[in-house]
N, C-alpha and C. Protein backbone atom coordinates (compact mmCIF):
# COMPACT_ATOMS: atom_id res chain seq x y z
N MET A 1 -5.51 -9.00 -38.06
CA MET A 1 -4.61 -8.10 -38.77
C MET A 1 -4.43 -6.77 -38.04
N LEU A 2 -5.47 -6.33 -37.36
CA LEU A 2 -5.44 -5.02 -36.70
C LEU A 2 -4.44 -4.99 -35.55
N GLY A 3 -4.38 -6.06 -34.79
CA GLY A 3 -3.44 -6.13 -33.67
C GLY A 3 -3.69 -5.03 -32.65
N THR A 4 -2.65 -4.29 -32.29
CA THR A 4 -2.78 -3.22 -31.29
C THR A 4 -3.09 -1.88 -31.92
N ARG A 5 -3.25 -1.85 -33.24
CA ARG A 5 -3.50 -0.58 -33.92
C ARG A 5 -4.98 -0.25 -33.97
N ASN A 6 -5.29 1.01 -34.29
CA ASN A 6 -6.68 1.44 -34.45
C ASN A 6 -7.14 1.34 -35.90
N SER A 7 -6.20 1.16 -36.82
CA SER A 7 -6.55 1.09 -38.24
C SER A 7 -5.44 0.41 -39.02
N TYR A 8 -5.75 0.03 -40.24
CA TYR A 8 -4.72 -0.47 -41.16
C TYR A 8 -5.19 -0.24 -42.59
N SER A 9 -4.25 -0.20 -43.51
CA SER A 9 -4.55 0.03 -44.91
C SER A 9 -4.85 -1.29 -45.61
N LYS A 10 -5.81 -1.28 -46.50
CA LYS A 10 -6.14 -2.50 -47.25
C LYS A 10 -5.07 -2.84 -48.27
N THR A 11 -4.34 -1.82 -48.73
CA THR A 11 -3.30 -2.07 -49.74
C THR A 11 -1.93 -2.33 -49.12
N ASP A 12 -1.71 -1.89 -47.89
CA ASP A 12 -0.47 -2.14 -47.16
C ASP A 12 -0.86 -2.50 -45.74
N LEU A 13 -0.97 -3.77 -45.45
CA LEU A 13 -1.50 -4.23 -44.18
C LEU A 13 -0.67 -3.84 -42.96
N ASP A 14 0.60 -3.50 -43.16
CA ASP A 14 1.45 -3.08 -42.05
C ASP A 14 1.33 -1.59 -41.74
N ALA A 15 0.78 -0.81 -42.67
CA ALA A 15 0.65 0.64 -42.49
C ALA A 15 -0.56 0.96 -41.61
N THR A 16 -0.46 2.08 -40.92
CA THR A 16 -1.54 2.59 -40.07
C THR A 16 -1.97 3.94 -40.63
N PHE A 17 -3.27 4.26 -40.55
CA PHE A 17 -3.72 5.57 -41.01
C PHE A 17 -3.26 6.64 -40.04
N MET A 18 -2.60 7.67 -40.60
CA MET A 18 -2.07 8.78 -39.79
C MET A 18 -2.43 10.09 -40.45
N ARG A 19 -2.61 11.11 -39.62
CA ARG A 19 -2.92 12.45 -40.13
C ARG A 19 -1.63 13.10 -40.63
N MET A 20 -1.65 13.53 -41.87
CA MET A 20 -0.45 14.10 -42.50
C MET A 20 -0.42 15.62 -42.33
N LYS A 21 0.70 16.15 -41.85
CA LYS A 21 0.84 17.59 -41.65
C LYS A 21 1.01 18.34 -42.97
N GLU A 22 1.76 17.76 -43.89
CA GLU A 22 2.12 18.48 -45.12
C GLU A 22 1.08 18.34 -46.23
N ASP A 23 -0.15 18.03 -45.87
CA ASP A 23 -1.21 17.89 -46.85
C ASP A 23 -1.41 19.22 -47.57
N HIS A 24 -1.28 19.25 -48.90
CA HIS A 24 -1.35 20.50 -49.66
C HIS A 24 -2.71 21.18 -49.55
N MET A 25 -3.76 20.43 -49.24
CA MET A 25 -5.10 21.02 -49.08
C MET A 25 -5.30 21.56 -47.66
N ARG A 26 -4.37 21.26 -46.77
CA ARG A 26 -4.41 21.69 -45.38
C ARG A 26 -5.69 21.24 -44.66
N ASN A 27 -6.17 20.04 -45.03
CA ASN A 27 -7.36 19.52 -44.37
C ASN A 27 -7.05 18.29 -43.52
N GLY A 28 -5.77 18.02 -43.31
CA GLY A 28 -5.35 16.95 -42.42
C GLY A 28 -5.90 15.59 -42.78
N GLN A 29 -5.73 15.18 -44.02
CA GLN A 29 -6.24 13.88 -44.44
C GLN A 29 -5.52 12.73 -43.75
N LEU A 30 -6.27 11.66 -43.53
CA LEU A 30 -5.67 10.44 -43.01
C LEU A 30 -5.17 9.62 -44.18
N LYS A 31 -3.92 9.18 -44.10
CA LYS A 31 -3.33 8.38 -45.16
C LYS A 31 -2.55 7.23 -44.54
N PRO A 32 -2.44 6.09 -45.23
CA PRO A 32 -1.64 4.99 -44.69
C PRO A 32 -0.17 5.40 -44.62
N ALA A 33 0.45 5.15 -43.46
CA ALA A 33 1.83 5.60 -43.28
C ALA A 33 2.52 4.80 -42.18
N TYR A 34 3.80 5.09 -41.99
CA TYR A 34 4.61 4.52 -40.93
C TYR A 34 5.24 5.67 -40.15
N LYS A 35 5.51 5.44 -38.89
CA LYS A 35 6.22 6.42 -38.06
C LYS A 35 7.69 6.01 -38.12
N VAL A 36 8.53 6.87 -38.66
CA VAL A 36 9.96 6.59 -38.78
C VAL A 36 10.70 7.40 -37.72
N GLN A 37 11.52 6.73 -36.93
CA GLN A 37 12.34 7.37 -35.91
C GLN A 37 13.79 7.25 -36.34
N ILE A 38 14.53 8.35 -36.21
CA ILE A 38 15.94 8.35 -36.57
C ILE A 38 16.73 8.90 -35.39
N GLY A 39 17.72 8.14 -34.94
CA GLY A 39 18.61 8.59 -33.88
C GLY A 39 19.91 9.10 -34.48
N VAL A 40 20.34 10.28 -34.03
CA VAL A 40 21.53 10.91 -34.59
C VAL A 40 22.50 11.26 -33.46
N GLU A 41 23.78 11.01 -33.72
CA GLU A 41 24.84 11.39 -32.80
C GLU A 41 25.97 12.00 -33.61
N SER A 42 26.37 13.22 -33.26
CA SER A 42 27.45 13.92 -33.97
C SER A 42 27.24 13.90 -35.48
N GLU A 43 26.03 14.17 -35.90
CA GLU A 43 25.63 14.27 -37.31
C GLU A 43 25.62 12.94 -38.05
N TYR A 44 25.78 11.83 -37.33
CA TYR A 44 25.72 10.50 -37.96
C TYR A 44 24.46 9.78 -37.48
N ILE A 45 23.81 9.09 -38.39
CA ILE A 45 22.64 8.30 -38.03
C ILE A 45 23.12 7.04 -37.32
N VAL A 46 22.63 6.84 -36.08
CA VAL A 46 23.05 5.68 -35.29
C VAL A 46 21.94 4.65 -35.17
N GLY A 47 20.73 5.01 -35.58
CA GLY A 47 19.63 4.05 -35.51
C GLY A 47 18.40 4.54 -36.23
N ILE A 48 17.65 3.59 -36.76
CA ILE A 48 16.39 3.89 -37.45
C ILE A 48 15.35 2.89 -36.93
N GLY A 49 14.16 3.40 -36.68
CA GLY A 49 13.07 2.54 -36.23
C GLY A 49 11.81 2.83 -37.03
N LEU A 50 11.06 1.80 -37.33
CA LEU A 50 9.82 1.93 -38.10
C LEU A 50 8.69 1.43 -37.22
N TYR A 51 7.68 2.28 -36.99
CA TYR A 51 6.59 1.95 -36.07
C TYR A 51 5.24 2.16 -36.74
N SER A 52 4.27 1.36 -36.32
CA SER A 52 2.93 1.51 -36.87
C SER A 52 2.06 2.40 -35.98
N ASN A 53 2.61 2.87 -34.86
CA ASN A 53 1.88 3.76 -33.97
C ASN A 53 2.05 5.21 -34.43
N PRO A 54 0.98 5.98 -34.56
CA PRO A 54 1.10 7.33 -35.09
C PRO A 54 1.66 8.39 -34.13
N THR A 55 1.86 8.07 -32.86
CA THR A 55 2.33 9.09 -31.92
C THR A 55 3.79 8.91 -31.54
N ASP A 56 4.47 10.03 -31.34
CA ASP A 56 5.87 10.01 -30.92
C ASP A 56 6.04 9.54 -29.48
N THR A 57 5.09 9.89 -28.62
CA THR A 57 5.25 9.59 -27.19
C THR A 57 5.41 8.10 -26.91
N THR A 58 4.77 7.26 -27.70
CA THR A 58 4.85 5.81 -27.44
C THR A 58 6.00 5.12 -28.17
N THR A 59 6.75 5.87 -28.96
CA THR A 59 7.86 5.24 -29.70
C THR A 59 9.23 5.52 -29.07
N LEU A 60 9.33 6.51 -28.21
CA LEU A 60 10.64 6.88 -27.66
C LEU A 60 11.29 5.73 -26.87
N ILE A 61 10.58 5.15 -25.93
CA ILE A 61 11.15 4.11 -25.07
C ILE A 61 11.56 2.87 -25.88
N PRO A 62 10.68 2.33 -26.74
CA PRO A 62 11.12 1.17 -27.54
C PRO A 62 12.32 1.50 -28.44
N PHE A 63 12.35 2.73 -28.96
CA PHE A 63 13.46 3.14 -29.82
C PHE A 63 14.76 3.20 -29.03
N LEU A 64 14.73 3.79 -27.83
CA LEU A 64 15.94 3.87 -27.00
C LEU A 64 16.43 2.49 -26.57
N LYS A 65 15.49 1.60 -26.24
CA LYS A 65 15.86 0.22 -25.87
C LYS A 65 16.52 -0.48 -27.05
N ARG A 66 15.98 -0.27 -28.23
CA ARG A 66 16.54 -0.89 -29.44
C ARG A 66 17.94 -0.34 -29.73
N LEU A 67 18.12 0.97 -29.57
CA LEU A 67 19.44 1.57 -29.76
C LEU A 67 20.45 0.97 -28.78
N ARG A 68 20.01 0.85 -27.52
CA ARG A 68 20.91 0.30 -26.49
C ARG A 68 21.33 -1.13 -26.82
N THR A 69 20.39 -1.94 -27.30
CA THR A 69 20.68 -3.32 -27.67
C THR A 69 21.63 -3.38 -28.88
N ASN A 70 21.34 -2.59 -29.90
CA ASN A 70 22.13 -2.63 -31.14
C ASN A 70 23.52 -2.00 -31.00
N ILE A 71 23.61 -0.93 -30.24
CA ILE A 71 24.88 -0.21 -30.11
C ILE A 71 25.69 -0.71 -28.91
N GLY A 72 24.98 -1.20 -27.90
CA GLY A 72 25.66 -1.72 -26.73
C GLY A 72 25.93 -0.70 -25.65
N ARG A 73 25.31 0.45 -25.75
CA ARG A 73 25.46 1.46 -24.71
C ARG A 73 24.23 2.36 -24.70
N LYS A 74 24.03 3.04 -23.57
CA LYS A 74 22.90 3.97 -23.51
C LYS A 74 23.42 5.39 -23.66
N TYR A 75 22.57 6.25 -24.15
CA TYR A 75 22.94 7.65 -24.33
C TYR A 75 22.63 8.42 -23.06
N THR A 76 23.59 9.24 -22.62
CA THR A 76 23.43 10.02 -21.40
C THR A 76 22.45 11.16 -21.62
N ASN A 77 22.49 11.77 -22.79
CA ASN A 77 21.63 12.90 -23.11
C ASN A 77 20.69 12.53 -24.24
N VAL A 78 19.41 12.69 -24.01
CA VAL A 78 18.39 12.41 -25.02
C VAL A 78 17.69 13.72 -25.36
N ILE A 79 17.81 14.10 -26.62
CA ILE A 79 17.23 15.36 -27.09
C ILE A 79 16.11 15.01 -28.07
N ALA A 80 14.93 15.59 -27.83
CA ALA A 80 13.78 15.31 -28.70
C ALA A 80 12.84 16.51 -28.69
N ASP A 81 11.97 16.58 -29.69
CA ASP A 81 11.03 17.70 -29.74
C ASP A 81 9.83 17.44 -28.82
N ALA A 82 8.92 18.40 -28.78
CA ALA A 82 7.78 18.38 -27.86
C ALA A 82 6.84 17.19 -28.07
N GLY A 83 6.89 16.57 -29.22
CA GLY A 83 6.03 15.42 -29.48
C GLY A 83 6.35 14.22 -28.60
N TYR A 84 7.52 14.21 -27.99
CA TYR A 84 7.96 13.10 -27.14
C TYR A 84 7.71 13.38 -25.65
N ALA A 85 7.17 14.54 -25.34
CA ALA A 85 6.95 14.93 -23.94
C ALA A 85 5.79 14.14 -23.34
N SER A 86 6.12 13.35 -22.31
CA SER A 86 5.08 12.63 -21.55
C SER A 86 5.68 12.24 -20.22
N GLU A 87 4.82 12.09 -19.22
CA GLU A 87 5.28 11.67 -17.90
C GLU A 87 6.01 10.34 -17.99
N GLU A 88 5.47 9.45 -18.81
CA GLU A 88 6.07 8.12 -18.98
C GLU A 88 7.50 8.22 -19.51
N ASN A 89 7.72 9.04 -20.54
CA ASN A 89 9.05 9.18 -21.12
C ASN A 89 10.02 9.86 -20.15
N TYR A 90 9.55 10.92 -19.47
CA TYR A 90 10.41 11.59 -18.49
C TYR A 90 10.80 10.63 -17.36
N SER A 91 9.85 9.84 -16.87
CA SER A 91 10.12 8.89 -15.79
C SER A 91 11.12 7.83 -16.23
N TYR A 92 10.93 7.31 -17.44
CA TYR A 92 11.83 6.28 -17.96
C TYR A 92 13.26 6.82 -18.03
N LEU A 93 13.43 8.02 -18.56
CA LEU A 93 14.76 8.60 -18.69
C LEU A 93 15.39 8.86 -17.32
N GLU A 94 14.58 9.33 -16.37
CA GLU A 94 15.09 9.57 -15.02
C GLU A 94 15.52 8.27 -14.35
N GLU A 95 14.70 7.22 -14.47
CA GLU A 95 15.03 5.92 -13.88
C GLU A 95 16.31 5.32 -14.47
N ASN A 96 16.56 5.61 -15.75
CA ASN A 96 17.74 5.09 -16.43
C ASN A 96 18.92 6.06 -16.40
N LYS A 97 18.79 7.09 -15.56
CA LYS A 97 19.85 8.09 -15.39
C LYS A 97 20.28 8.69 -16.73
N GLN A 98 19.29 9.06 -17.51
CA GLN A 98 19.53 9.74 -18.78
C GLN A 98 18.93 11.14 -18.68
N ASN A 99 19.66 12.14 -19.17
CA ASN A 99 19.19 13.52 -19.14
C ASN A 99 18.18 13.75 -20.26
N ALA A 100 17.02 14.26 -19.89
CA ALA A 100 15.96 14.52 -20.87
C ALA A 100 16.00 15.98 -21.30
N TYR A 101 16.24 16.18 -22.57
CA TYR A 101 16.16 17.52 -23.16
C TYR A 101 14.98 17.48 -24.13
N ILE A 102 13.79 17.42 -23.52
CA ILE A 102 12.55 17.32 -24.29
C ILE A 102 11.68 18.50 -23.90
N LYS A 103 11.39 19.33 -24.85
CA LYS A 103 10.57 20.51 -24.60
C LYS A 103 9.15 20.09 -24.23
N PRO A 104 8.59 20.61 -23.12
CA PRO A 104 7.21 20.27 -22.77
C PRO A 104 6.24 20.64 -23.89
N ALA A 105 5.20 19.84 -24.06
CA ALA A 105 4.24 20.05 -25.15
C ALA A 105 3.57 21.42 -25.09
N ASP A 106 3.36 21.95 -23.89
CA ASP A 106 2.68 23.25 -23.76
C ASP A 106 3.66 24.40 -23.48
N TYR A 107 4.90 24.23 -23.80
CA TYR A 107 5.94 25.21 -23.50
C TYR A 107 5.63 26.60 -24.08
N GLU A 108 5.27 26.66 -25.34
CA GLU A 108 5.00 27.95 -25.99
C GLU A 108 3.79 28.63 -25.38
N ILE A 109 2.76 27.86 -25.05
CA ILE A 109 1.54 28.42 -24.45
C ILE A 109 1.85 28.98 -23.06
N ARG A 110 2.65 28.26 -22.28
CA ARG A 110 2.97 28.69 -20.92
C ARG A 110 3.76 29.99 -20.88
N LYS A 111 4.45 30.34 -21.96
CA LYS A 111 5.24 31.56 -22.01
C LYS A 111 4.38 32.80 -22.24
N THR A 112 3.15 32.62 -22.73
CA THR A 112 2.32 33.78 -23.08
C THR A 112 1.83 34.52 -21.84
N LYS A 113 1.63 35.82 -22.00
CA LYS A 113 1.13 36.65 -20.92
C LYS A 113 -0.28 36.21 -20.50
N LYS A 114 -1.09 35.84 -21.48
CA LYS A 114 -2.47 35.41 -21.21
C LYS A 114 -2.47 34.19 -20.27
N TYR A 115 -1.61 33.24 -20.51
CA TYR A 115 -1.51 32.03 -19.69
C TYR A 115 -1.04 32.38 -18.27
N LYS A 116 0.02 33.17 -18.18
CA LYS A 116 0.60 33.52 -16.88
C LYS A 116 -0.35 34.34 -16.01
N LYS A 117 -1.18 35.16 -16.64
CA LYS A 117 -2.08 36.04 -15.89
C LYS A 117 -3.45 35.42 -15.61
N ASN A 118 -3.71 34.22 -16.16
CA ASN A 118 -4.99 33.56 -15.94
C ASN A 118 -5.01 32.99 -14.52
N ILE A 119 -5.70 33.70 -13.61
CA ILE A 119 -5.70 33.31 -12.20
C ILE A 119 -6.55 32.07 -11.93
N TYR A 120 -7.24 31.56 -12.95
CA TYR A 120 -8.11 30.39 -12.77
C TYR A 120 -7.42 29.08 -13.17
N ARG A 121 -6.26 29.16 -13.76
CA ARG A 121 -5.52 27.95 -14.13
C ARG A 121 -4.91 27.35 -12.87
N VAL A 122 -4.99 26.03 -12.73
CA VAL A 122 -4.47 25.36 -11.53
C VAL A 122 -2.98 25.62 -11.36
N GLU A 123 -2.25 25.78 -12.46
CA GLU A 123 -0.81 26.04 -12.40
C GLU A 123 -0.50 27.39 -11.77
N ASN A 124 -1.48 28.30 -11.79
CA ASN A 124 -1.27 29.64 -11.26
C ASN A 124 -1.89 29.84 -9.87
N LEU A 125 -2.52 28.82 -9.32
CA LEU A 125 -3.12 28.91 -7.99
C LEU A 125 -2.05 28.69 -6.92
N SER A 126 -2.29 29.27 -5.76
CA SER A 126 -1.40 29.08 -4.63
C SER A 126 -1.62 27.66 -4.08
N TYR A 127 -0.52 26.95 -3.79
CA TYR A 127 -0.62 25.56 -3.31
C TYR A 127 0.07 25.42 -1.97
N ASP A 128 -0.59 24.76 -1.01
CA ASP A 128 -0.02 24.46 0.30
C ASP A 128 0.38 22.99 0.29
N GLU A 129 1.69 22.74 0.28
CA GLU A 129 2.21 21.37 0.18
C GLU A 129 1.92 20.55 1.44
N ILE A 130 1.99 21.18 2.60
CA ILE A 130 1.77 20.46 3.86
C ILE A 130 0.30 20.03 3.98
N GLY A 131 -0.62 20.95 3.70
CA GLY A 131 -2.04 20.63 3.80
C GLY A 131 -2.62 19.99 2.56
N ASP A 132 -1.85 19.95 1.46
CA ASP A 132 -2.27 19.40 0.17
C ASP A 132 -3.58 20.03 -0.31
N TYR A 133 -3.55 21.36 -0.45
CA TYR A 133 -4.72 22.07 -0.99
C TYR A 133 -4.27 23.31 -1.76
N PHE A 134 -5.13 23.73 -2.68
CA PHE A 134 -4.92 24.95 -3.44
C PHE A 134 -5.82 26.03 -2.84
N THR A 135 -5.51 27.30 -3.14
CA THR A 135 -6.37 28.40 -2.73
C THR A 135 -6.85 29.11 -3.99
N CYS A 136 -8.17 29.24 -4.12
CA CYS A 136 -8.75 29.85 -5.33
C CYS A 136 -8.66 31.37 -5.25
N PRO A 137 -8.95 32.09 -6.36
CA PRO A 137 -8.89 33.56 -6.37
C PRO A 137 -9.83 34.22 -5.36
N ASN A 138 -10.86 33.48 -4.90
CA ASN A 138 -11.80 34.02 -3.92
C ASN A 138 -11.37 33.68 -2.49
N GLY A 139 -10.20 33.06 -2.32
CA GLY A 139 -9.68 32.73 -1.00
C GLY A 139 -10.19 31.43 -0.41
N LYS A 140 -10.93 30.65 -1.19
CA LYS A 140 -11.46 29.36 -0.71
C LYS A 140 -10.44 28.25 -0.97
N ARG A 141 -10.51 27.19 -0.14
CA ARG A 141 -9.61 26.06 -0.28
C ARG A 141 -10.17 25.04 -1.27
N LEU A 142 -9.29 24.50 -2.09
CA LEU A 142 -9.62 23.37 -2.96
C LEU A 142 -8.89 22.18 -2.35
N ASN A 143 -9.64 21.33 -1.69
CA ASN A 143 -9.06 20.19 -0.97
C ASN A 143 -8.92 18.98 -1.88
N HIS A 144 -7.90 18.17 -1.58
CA HIS A 144 -7.69 16.94 -2.34
C HIS A 144 -8.90 16.03 -2.16
N ALA A 145 -9.50 15.59 -3.27
CA ALA A 145 -10.70 14.76 -3.21
C ALA A 145 -10.36 13.29 -3.48
N TYR A 146 -9.64 13.04 -4.57
CA TYR A 146 -9.30 11.66 -4.92
C TYR A 146 -8.22 11.66 -5.99
N ASP A 147 -7.65 10.49 -6.22
CA ASP A 147 -6.67 10.30 -7.29
C ASP A 147 -7.28 9.41 -8.35
N GLY A 148 -7.17 9.83 -9.59
CA GLY A 148 -7.62 9.01 -10.71
C GLY A 148 -6.42 8.32 -11.34
N LYS A 149 -6.59 7.06 -11.69
CA LYS A 149 -5.48 6.31 -12.30
C LYS A 149 -5.90 5.80 -13.66
N ARG A 150 -4.93 5.83 -14.58
CA ARG A 150 -5.14 5.24 -15.90
C ARG A 150 -3.82 4.69 -16.38
N LYS A 151 -3.90 3.76 -17.31
CA LYS A 151 -2.68 3.17 -17.87
C LYS A 151 -2.51 3.62 -19.31
N THR A 152 -1.26 3.87 -19.68
CA THR A 152 -0.96 4.24 -21.06
C THR A 152 -0.94 2.98 -21.92
N GLU A 153 -0.78 3.15 -23.21
CA GLU A 153 -0.71 2.02 -24.14
C GLU A 153 0.41 1.04 -23.76
N ASN A 154 1.49 1.58 -23.17
CA ASN A 154 2.63 0.75 -22.79
C ASN A 154 2.50 0.15 -21.39
N GLY A 155 1.39 0.45 -20.69
CA GLY A 155 1.18 -0.10 -19.36
C GLY A 155 1.66 0.78 -18.22
N TYR A 156 2.15 1.97 -18.52
CA TYR A 156 2.61 2.90 -17.48
C TYR A 156 1.39 3.50 -16.77
N GLU A 157 1.41 3.50 -15.43
CA GLU A 157 0.27 4.03 -14.67
C GLU A 157 0.47 5.52 -14.39
N VAL A 158 -0.50 6.33 -14.83
CA VAL A 158 -0.49 7.77 -14.61
C VAL A 158 -1.50 8.07 -13.51
N VAL A 159 -1.08 8.80 -12.48
CA VAL A 159 -1.96 9.17 -11.38
C VAL A 159 -2.22 10.67 -11.46
N LYS A 160 -3.49 11.05 -11.49
CA LYS A 160 -3.88 12.45 -11.55
C LYS A 160 -4.71 12.76 -10.32
N SER A 161 -4.32 13.81 -9.60
CA SER A 161 -5.03 14.21 -8.38
C SER A 161 -6.13 15.21 -8.72
N TYR A 162 -7.28 15.06 -8.06
CA TYR A 162 -8.42 15.94 -8.27
C TYR A 162 -8.73 16.67 -6.97
N TYR A 163 -9.06 17.96 -7.10
CA TYR A 163 -9.33 18.81 -5.95
C TYR A 163 -10.71 19.44 -6.11
N ILE A 164 -11.40 19.61 -4.97
CA ILE A 164 -12.75 20.18 -4.97
C ILE A 164 -12.78 21.35 -3.99
N CYS A 165 -13.45 22.43 -4.41
CA CYS A 165 -13.57 23.62 -3.57
C CYS A 165 -14.52 23.34 -2.42
N GLU A 166 -14.18 23.91 -1.25
CA GLU A 166 -15.01 23.71 -0.06
C GLU A 166 -16.40 24.33 -0.24
N SER A 167 -16.50 25.43 -0.97
CA SER A 167 -17.81 26.04 -1.25
C SER A 167 -17.65 27.11 -2.32
N CYS A 168 -18.46 26.99 -3.37
CA CYS A 168 -18.45 27.99 -4.45
C CYS A 168 -19.70 28.87 -4.41
N GLU A 169 -20.52 28.72 -3.38
CA GLU A 169 -21.77 29.48 -3.29
C GLU A 169 -21.49 30.97 -3.24
N GLY A 170 -22.17 31.70 -4.11
CA GLY A 170 -22.06 33.15 -4.14
C GLY A 170 -20.73 33.69 -4.62
N CYS A 171 -19.91 32.86 -5.19
CA CYS A 171 -18.58 33.29 -5.64
C CYS A 171 -18.70 34.13 -6.92
N PRO A 172 -18.11 35.33 -6.93
CA PRO A 172 -18.18 36.18 -8.13
C PRO A 172 -17.32 35.64 -9.29
N HIS A 173 -16.43 34.71 -9.02
CA HIS A 173 -15.54 34.16 -10.04
C HIS A 173 -16.06 32.86 -10.65
N ARG A 174 -17.19 32.35 -10.18
CA ARG A 174 -17.67 31.01 -10.53
C ARG A 174 -17.74 30.74 -12.03
N GLU A 175 -18.29 31.66 -12.83
CA GLU A 175 -18.43 31.43 -14.29
C GLU A 175 -17.08 31.26 -14.97
N LYS A 176 -16.08 32.00 -14.51
CA LYS A 176 -14.76 31.93 -15.13
C LYS A 176 -13.93 30.78 -14.59
N CYS A 177 -14.21 30.38 -13.37
CA CYS A 177 -13.40 29.36 -12.69
C CYS A 177 -13.91 27.95 -12.90
N TYR A 178 -15.19 27.76 -12.76
CA TYR A 178 -15.78 26.42 -12.77
C TYR A 178 -16.20 26.03 -14.18
N LYS A 179 -15.74 24.88 -14.65
CA LYS A 179 -16.02 24.45 -16.02
C LYS A 179 -17.22 23.51 -16.12
N GLY A 180 -17.66 22.94 -14.99
CA GLY A 180 -18.78 22.01 -14.99
C GLY A 180 -20.12 22.73 -15.09
N LYS A 181 -21.20 21.95 -15.02
CA LYS A 181 -22.54 22.55 -15.08
C LYS A 181 -23.08 22.75 -13.68
């Protein structure tokens, strides 16, 4: 009965337990529910999808494929909120020549002064594309060490590159920069 889900309700076997945002106690209770997707064009509903998966990121591609099959055409512009932001979704839209208007999940955080001024964030480090290395605030190189691979629920392979500093000995920034032990 569980299938590909992590949970199911004993009273509604097709429902999956999901954390509800509008819980009046504000304690994020898990309740049996469905993920409903609605596609809209020019203020008209063009498609509805019902999913047992609690996340938006894994429903966008199946929903767009279903719309394309039912309507007989693909949409050039896809607009969605930050819940749909994922490498997999962006890649799919790019491969299908569809414009993605999906706000990145960390968009609001990246706009803050604290984020922009944090010299220890990898996004704020200087990067040498030719040598494939970053430079830390202490002037040391972070060389490419290896690539980690994982597959999403839909089978999409995500590759994440890892970098290691040539030497952190005696670095005055070590406590703020290094997160390991």
